[in-house]
């Protein structure tokens, strides 16, 4: 073999080895590229799933906040309606006619007054003289105070054991505490 043949053979073997190395590198590069694409696709799918879950979470939180805000507004408006009902009731109590006002005073005194209590009528109670003549006053030995109190109507009883606020506002507040739920159910069916 001549030098030329040896050189050609070396070059041929080197070319073949280079070809094998290039093919291996291309195969490895294709595998790395495929793995990277698969990884990127999996990452993209995971990111889309995360974004979807986060979007749904945000939407649910906003919907819950909206429902809560709506419930607060509704409750506030219902309270305003109930407030207006009790305000109207106070107005009606304050404008009772003589007969009804005296009947109410008699009923309240019968139920709440104790022997010897002193009655302080509201400044705006127009029937103090007539109330003093009610039979319950004598029966329970009640006294009518000379002074009046700045109440929203009704009276206050002062006694040895306890004082009782029988002003219209106090009576309506007690009624409200006891009956507000039933009233709300009736009004907002």
Protein backbone atom coordinates (compact mmCIF):
# COMPACT_ATOMS: atom_id res chain seq x y z
CA UNK A 1 0.00 0.00 0.00
CA UNK A 2 1.21 3.28 -0.92
CA UNK A 3 1.24 6.35 1.14
CA UNK A 4 -1.53 7.74 -0.87
CA UNK A 5 -3.68 4.74 -0.18
CA UNK A 6 -2.88 4.87 3.52
CA UNK A 7 -3.81 8.54 3.64
CA UNK A 8 -7.01 7.87 1.72
CA UNK A 9 -7.78 4.98 4.03
CA UNK A 10 -7.17 7.11 7.12
CA UNK A 11 -9.30 9.88 5.63
CA UNK A 12 -11.99 7.37 4.70
CA UNK A 13 -11.96 5.84 8.19
CA UNK A 14 -11.98 9.33 9.76
CA UNK A 15 -14.86 10.37 7.50
CA UNK A 16 -16.78 7.22 8.45
CA UNK A 17 -16.05 7.80 12.14
CA UNK A 18 -17.01 11.46 11.76
CA UNK A 19 -20.22 10.40 10.03
CA UNK A 20 -21.04 8.01 12.89
CA UNK A 21 -20.24 10.73 15.47
CA UNK A 22 -22.40 13.26 13.59
CA UNK A 23 -25.27 10.75 13.34
CA UNK A 24 -24.97 9.97 17.06
CA UNK A 25 -24.90 13.70 17.84
CA UNK A 26 -27.91 14.34 15.59
CA UNK A 27 -29.79 11.43 17.19
CA UNK A 28 -28.89 12.69 20.66
CA UNK A 29 -29.82 16.26 19.68
CA UNK A 30 -33.16 15.03 18.27
CA UNK A 31 -33.80 13.10 21.51
CA UNK A 32 -32.87 16.15 23.63
CA UNK A 33 -35.09 18.34 21.45
CA UNK A 34 -38.00 15.86 21.72
CA UNK A 35 -37.52 15.63 25.50
CA UNK A 36 -37.38 19.44 25.75
CA UNK A 37 -40.53 19.76 23.61
CA UNK A 38 -42.32 17.17 25.73
CA UNK A 39 -41.17 18.94 28.90
CA UNK A 40 -42.24 22.31 27.50
CA UNK A 41 -45.63 20.85 26.48
CA UNK A 42 -46.10 19.34 29.94
CA UNK A 43 -45.08 22.68 31.51
CA UNK A 44 -47.51 24.52 29.23
CA UNK A 45 -50.36 22.13 30.16
CA UNK A 46 -49.49 22.46 33.86
CA UNK A 47 -49.36 26.26 33.57
CA UNK A 48 -52.72 26.29 31.77
CA UNK A 49 -54.20 24.07 34.50
CA UNK A 50 -52.73 26.31 37.21
CA UNK A 51 -54.03 29.45 35.49
CA UNK A 52 -57.48 27.86 35.08
CA UNK A 53 -57.58 26.81 38.74
CA UNK A 54 -56.39 30.24 39.87
CA UNK A 55 -58.95 31.94 37.59
CA UNK A 56 -61.75 29.76 39.00
CA UNK A 57 -60.56 30.47 42.55
CA UNK A 58 -60.51 34.22 41.90
CA UNK A 59 -63.95 34.08 40.27
CA UNK A 60 -65.37 32.05 43.17
CA UNK A 61 -63.88 34.45 45.72
CA UNK A 62 -65.29 37.43 43.85
CA UNK A 63 -68.67 35.73 43.54
CA UNK A 64 -68.64 34.95 47.27
CA UNK A 65 -67.68 38.55 48.05
CA UNK A 66 -70.45 39.78 45.76
CA UNK A 67 -72.98 37.48 47.46
CA UNK A 68 -71.81 38.70 50.86
CA UNK A 69 -72.02 42.36 49.78
CA UNK A 70 -75.46 41.72 48.34
CA UNK A 71 -76.59 40.06 51.56
CA UNK A 72 -75.23 42.99 53.57
CA UNK A 73 -77.08 45.48 51.38
CA UNK A 74 -80.27 43.44 51.58
CA UNK A 75 -79.98 43.14 55.36
CA UNK A 76 -79.34 46.88 55.62
CA UNK A 77 -82.44 47.63 53.58
CA UNK A 78 -84.51 45.17 55.62
CA UNK A 79 -83.32 46.88 58.79
CA UNK A 80 -84.38 50.23 57.35
CA UNK A 81 -87.84 48.84 56.65
CA UNK A 82 -88.13 47.41 60.17
CA UNK A 83 -86.82 50.71 61.59
CA UNK A 84 -89.53 52.56 59.67
CA UNK A 85 -92.20 50.15 60.96
CA UNK A 86 -91.15 50.86 64.56
CA UNK A 87 -90.87 54.59 63.84
CA UNK A 88 -94.45 54.53 62.52
CA UNK A 89 -95.54 52.55 65.59
CA UNK A 90 -93.93 55.19 67.83
CA UNK A 91 -95.75 57.93 65.92
CA UNK A 92 -99.04 56.11 66.33
CA UNK A 93 -98.48 55.58 70.05
CA UNK A 94 -97.65 59.26 70.48
CA UNK A 95 -100.83 60.25 68.68
CA UNK A 96 -103.23 57.92 70.54
CA UNK A 97 -106.56 59.43 71.43
CA UNK A 98 -107.52 60.01 75.03
CA UNK A 99 -109.44 56.74 75.48
CA UNK A 100 -106.75 54.54 73.92
CA UNK A 101 -103.92 56.35 75.73
CA UNK A 102 -105.62 55.94 79.11
CA UNK A 103 -106.42 52.30 78.37
CA UNK A 104 -102.74 51.68 77.54
CA UNK A 105 -101.60 53.46 80.73
CA UNK A 106 -104.04 51.37 82.79
CA UNK A 107 -102.85 48.12 81.20
CA UNK A 108 -99.18 48.99 81.72
CA UNK A 109 -99.73 50.02 85.33
CA UNK A 110 -101.73 46.85 86.01
CA UNK A 111 -98.93 44.72 84.60
CA UNK A 112 -95.79 46.51 85.80
CA UNK A 113 -96.54 48.86 88.71
CA UNK A 114 -95.86 47.82 92.26
CA UNK A 115 -97.54 49.27 95.32
CA UNK A 116 -96.19 52.72 96.17
CA UNK A 117 -94.46 53.36 92.81
CA UNK A 118 -94.20 56.93 91.60
CA UNK A 119 -95.25 57.66 88.02
CA UNK A 120 -93.26 60.12 85.91
CA UNK A 121 -95.16 60.82 82.71
CA UNK A 122 -93.51 61.98 79.51
CA UNK A 123 -93.58 65.73 78.91
CA UNK A 124 -95.65 65.15 75.78
CA UNK A 125 -98.28 62.96 77.52
CA UNK A 126 -101.47 65.01 77.27
CA UNK A 127 -103.71 63.06 79.67
CA UNK A 128 -101.88 63.22 83.02
CA UNK A 129 -104.89 64.52 84.93
CA UNK A 130 -107.20 61.86 83.49
CA UNK A 131 -104.58 59.14 84.14
CA UNK A 132 -104.40 60.19 87.81
CA UNK A 133 -108.09 59.30 88.11
CA UNK A 134 -107.64 55.71 86.85
CA UNK A 135 -108.81 53.10 89.40
CA UNK A 136 -105.44 51.29 89.28
CA UNK A 137 -103.75 54.38 90.78
CA UNK A 138 -105.75 54.06 93.97
CA UNK A 139 -105.75 50.25 93.96
CA UNK A 140 -101.94 50.04 93.91
CA UNK A 141 -101.37 53.19 95.98
CA UNK A 142 -99.45 54.85 93.13
CA UNK A 143 -98.32 58.46 93.15
CA UNK A 144 -98.12 60.86 90.23
CA UNK A 145 -94.88 62.88 90.19
CA UNK A 146 -95.25 66.62 89.75
CA UNK A 147 -92.43 66.72 87.25
CA UNK A 148 -92.42 65.20 83.78
CA UNK A 149 -89.52 63.55 81.98
CA UNK A 150 -88.25 64.15 78.44
CA UNK A 151 -89.39 60.74 77.17
CA UNK A 152 -90.71 59.87 73.73
CA UNK A 153 -94.10 59.16 75.28
CA UNK A 154 -95.41 56.89 78.01
CA UNK A 155 -94.00 56.97 81.52
CA UNK A 156 -91.34 55.77 83.91
CA UNK A 157 -92.08 54.09 87.24
CA UNK A 158 -89.79 54.71 90.21
CA UNK A 159 -90.18 52.39 93.11
CA UNK A 160 -88.48 51.16 96.24
CA UNK A 161 -87.33 47.90 94.61
CA UNK A 162 -86.78 48.96 91.01
CA UNK A 163 -87.42 51.53 88.34
CA UNK A 164 -89.23 50.60 85.14
CA UNK A 165 -88.99 52.39 81.84
CA UNK A 166 -92.42 52.24 80.23
CA UNK A 167 -91.70 54.91 77.66
CA UNK A 168 -93.00 54.14 74.20
CA UNK A 169 -89.47 53.83 72.85
CA UNK A 170 -88.50 51.32 75.56
CA UNK A 171 -91.68 49.31 75.02
CA UNK A 172 -91.12 49.25 71.27
CA UNK A 173 -87.45 48.28 71.72
CA UNK A 174 -88.48 45.37 73.96
CA UNK A 175 -91.06 44.35 71.38
CA UNK A 176 -88.46 44.61 68.64
CA UNK A 177 -86.03 42.33 70.49
CA UNK A 178 -88.75 39.78 71.02
CA UNK A 179 -90.53 39.94 67.67
CA UNK A 180 -88.07 41.24 65.08
CA UNK A 181 -87.39 37.83 63.53
CA UNK A 182 -91.10 37.06 63.19
CA UNK A 183 -91.78 40.52 61.78
CA UNK A 184 -88.96 40.13 59.25
CA UNK A 185 -90.32 36.73 58.16
CA UNK A 186 -93.77 38.23 57.72
CA UNK A 187 -92.57 41.32 55.86
CA UNK A 188 -90.02 39.59 53.61
CA UNK A 189 -91.68 36.32 52.64
